[in-house]
């Protein structure tokens, strides 16, 4: 296989700290084991500073999916998966606390989704900005709780100050 060819190996799945992690690694320059070690470190950090969030993740998510994507993270309600972007996960410019902030944020989307499901409430798309702000507040709380959380706090506060259309664009 040439160095520019896409990786064709199947998804690697592991259970880390009680959470299923699926890594779809299409990058030859990224070591899947490094991704899994980072996932362990990130979940471990959340477990240490906000253990209830890990308990919620275990209840609210079917898995964490790591793959290439157009943003740092996303929540896919149809498969109850939190996505953490592959290159974001291994980028040393982002601390474990910053990666964990994305997990906390997307985990809050999962929590809101499960809340609606549990109480038989239809998802309300007109409340997207409200939901996004709830998730950003979770990030803010995380940033205030974890050592070296200043970049998380700054990003969350900047996002919370945005207009509805900017905080939750279509």
Protein backbone atom coordinates (compact mmCIF):
# COMPACT_ATOMS: atom_id res chain seq x y z
CA UNK A 1 0.00 0.00 0.00
CA UNK A 2 1.44 3.38 -0.90
CA UNK A 3 1.82 6.05 1.77
CA UNK A 4 -0.97 8.07 0.13
CA UNK A 5 -3.49 5.22 -0.06
CA UNK A 6 -6.40 5.24 2.37
CA UNK A 7 -6.33 2.76 5.19
CA UNK A 8 -8.75 -0.07 4.49
CA UNK A 9 -8.69 -1.97 7.77
CA UNK A 10 -12.02 -2.43 9.52
CA UNK A 11 -13.25 -0.45 12.46
CA UNK A 12 -11.42 -1.13 15.70
CA UNK A 13 -13.77 -1.49 18.68
CA UNK A 14 -12.84 -1.53 22.34
CA UNK A 15 -14.59 -1.03 25.62
CA UNK A 16 -12.73 1.58 27.63
CA UNK A 17 -13.85 2.38 31.16
CA UNK A 18 -17.20 0.78 30.39
CA UNK A 19 -17.84 2.73 27.17
CA UNK A 20 -17.64 1.24 23.68
CA UNK A 21 -15.21 3.11 21.45
CA UNK A 22 -15.25 2.54 17.68
CA UNK A 23 -12.35 4.00 15.71
CA UNK A 24 -12.61 4.27 11.94
CA UNK A 25 -9.09 5.29 11.07
CA UNK A 26 -8.68 6.28 7.43
CA UNK A 27 -5.36 8.02 8.02
CA UNK A 28 -2.07 6.16 7.57
CA UNK A 29 -0.28 8.76 9.68
CA UNK A 30 -2.47 8.20 12.75
CA UNK A 31 -1.88 5.29 15.10
CA UNK A 32 -5.21 3.79 16.21
CA UNK A 33 -3.65 2.70 19.51
CA UNK A 34 -2.75 6.34 20.18
CA UNK A 35 -6.39 7.28 19.57
CA UNK A 36 -7.53 4.61 22.05
CA UNK A 37 -5.00 5.75 24.67
CA UNK A 38 -6.26 9.32 24.26
CA UNK A 39 -9.85 8.12 24.66
CA UNK A 40 -8.86 6.39 27.90
CA UNK A 41 -7.11 9.53 29.17
CA UNK A 42 -10.05 11.77 28.27
CA UNK A 43 -12.69 9.53 29.84
CA UNK A 44 -10.42 9.07 32.87
CA UNK A 45 -10.15 12.83 33.30
CA UNK A 46 -13.92 13.21 33.25
CA UNK A 47 -14.21 10.27 35.65
CA UNK A 48 -11.84 12.02 38.06
CA UNK A 49 -13.33 15.53 38.04
CA UNK A 50 -17.02 14.93 37.19
CA UNK A 51 -17.70 11.22 37.70
CA UNK A 52 -21.46 11.61 37.30
CA UNK A 53 -20.90 12.63 33.69
CA UNK A 54 -19.27 9.27 32.92
CA UNK A 55 -22.22 7.49 34.53
CA UNK A 56 -24.53 9.54 32.29
CA UNK A 57 -22.44 8.74 29.20
CA UNK A 58 -22.70 5.02 29.97
CA UNK A 59 -26.49 5.31 30.18
CA UNK A 60 -27.08 7.77 27.36
CA UNK A 61 -24.68 6.57 24.66
CA UNK A 62 -24.34 3.32 22.78
CA UNK A 63 -20.79 4.28 21.79
CA UNK A 64 -18.19 6.90 21.12
CA UNK A 65 -17.29 6.94 17.43
CA UNK A 66 -13.93 8.34 16.35
CA UNK A 67 -13.55 9.13 12.66
CA UNK A 68 -12.85 11.97 10.23
CA UNK A 69 -15.59 14.57 10.27
CA UNK A 70 -16.12 18.26 9.48
CA UNK A 71 -16.11 19.39 13.13
CA UNK A 72 -14.65 18.44 16.53
CA UNK A 73 -17.67 16.48 17.66
CA UNK A 74 -21.27 15.57 16.98
CA UNK A 75 -24.12 13.55 18.43
CA UNK A 76 -26.00 11.08 16.24
CA UNK A 77 -29.30 10.30 17.96
CA UNK A 78 -30.30 7.54 15.52
CA UNK A 79 -27.39 5.38 16.73
CA UNK A 80 -26.90 7.08 20.13
CA UNK A 81 -23.28 7.83 19.27
CA UNK A 82 -21.02 10.65 20.26
CA UNK A 83 -18.53 11.41 17.53
CA UNK A 84 -15.07 12.73 18.35
CA UNK A 85 -13.17 13.76 15.24
CA UNK A 86 -10.11 11.61 14.52
CA UNK A 87 -7.51 14.33 13.91
CA UNK A 88 -8.83 16.39 16.83
CA UNK A 89 -8.35 13.37 19.10
CA UNK A 90 -4.64 13.07 18.31
CA UNK A 91 -3.77 16.74 17.85
CA UNK A 92 -1.29 17.64 20.61
CA UNK A 93 -2.33 21.30 20.35
CA UNK A 94 -5.53 20.31 22.19
CA UNK A 95 -5.29 19.18 25.80
CA UNK A 96 -7.13 16.21 27.25
CA UNK A 97 -9.38 18.76 28.98
CA UNK A 98 -10.31 20.31 25.63
CA UNK A 99 -11.06 16.95 24.02
CA UNK A 100 -13.06 16.02 27.13
CA UNK A 101 -15.05 19.26 26.78
CA UNK A 102 -16.27 18.05 23.39
CA UNK A 103 -17.22 14.71 24.93
CA UNK A 104 -19.07 16.50 27.75
CA UNK A 105 -20.85 18.74 25.22
CA UNK A 106 -21.96 15.91 22.95
CA UNK A 107 -22.81 13.78 25.97
CA UNK A 108 -25.20 16.52 27.08
CA UNK A 109 -26.89 16.37 23.67
CA UNK A 110 -27.33 12.63 24.27
CA UNK A 111 -28.72 13.33 27.74
CA UNK A 112 -31.27 15.79 26.35
CA UNK A 113 -32.23 13.31 23.63
CA UNK A 114 -32.72 10.49 26.15
CA UNK A 115 -34.71 12.81 28.44
CA UNK A 116 -37.12 13.58 25.60
CA UNK A 117 -37.33 9.89 24.70
CA UNK A 118 -37.93 8.83 28.32
CA UNK A 119 -40.75 11.32 28.86
CA UNK A 120 -42.28 10.86 25.40
CA UNK A 121 -41.50 14.43 24.39
CA UNK A 122 -40.97 15.01 20.69
CA UNK A 123 -37.62 16.62 19.87
CA UNK A 124 -38.18 20.31 19.36
CA UNK A 125 -36.03 21.72 16.56
CA UNK A 126 -37.20 25.25 17.35
CA UNK A 127 -35.27 24.87 20.63
CA UNK A 128 -31.91 24.17 18.96
CA UNK A 129 -30.26 27.31 20.36
CA UNK A 130 -31.57 26.53 23.85
CA UNK A 131 -30.20 22.98 23.66
CA UNK A 132 -26.86 24.21 22.34
CA UNK A 133 -26.57 26.66 25.23
CA UNK A 134 -27.33 23.87 27.73
CA UNK A 135 -24.47 21.89 26.19
CA UNK A 136 -22.15 24.91 26.24
CA UNK A 137 -22.97 25.46 29.92
CA UNK A 138 -21.98 21.86 30.58
CA UNK A 139 -18.66 22.65 28.85
CA UNK A 140 -18.29 25.77 30.99
CA UNK A 141 -18.89 23.78 34.18
CA UNK A 142 -16.34 21.24 32.97
CA UNK A 143 -13.75 23.92 32.21
CA UNK A 144 -14.20 25.41 35.66
CA UNK A 145 -13.81 22.00 37.33
CA UNK A 146 -10.73 20.66 35.55
CA UNK A 147 -7.14 21.90 35.95
CA UNK A 148 -5.97 23.94 32.95
CA UNK A 149 -9.56 24.40 31.83
CA UNK A 150 -9.12 28.05 30.84
CA UNK A 151 -9.31 27.42 27.05
CA UNK A 152 -12.50 25.43 27.60
CA UNK A 153 -14.03 28.23 29.68
CA UNK A 154 -13.06 30.86 27.12
CA UNK A 155 -14.53 28.90 24.20
CA UNK A 156 -17.75 28.15 26.08
CA UNK A 157 -18.23 31.78 27.16
CA UNK A 158 -17.61 33.03 23.61
CA UNK A 159 -20.18 30.60 22.26
CA UNK A 160 -22.74 31.43 24.94
CA UNK A 161 -22.52 35.11 23.93
CA UNK A 162 -23.55 34.36 20.34
CA UNK A 163 -26.99 35.08 18.90
CA UNK A 164 -29.35 32.10 18.52
CA UNK A 165 -28.65 31.79 14.80
CA UNK A 166 -24.90 31.70 15.45
CA UNK A 167 -24.88 29.37 18.44
CA UNK A 168 -26.99 26.78 16.60
CA UNK A 169 -26.63 27.28 12.85
CA UNK A 170 -28.64 25.13 10.46
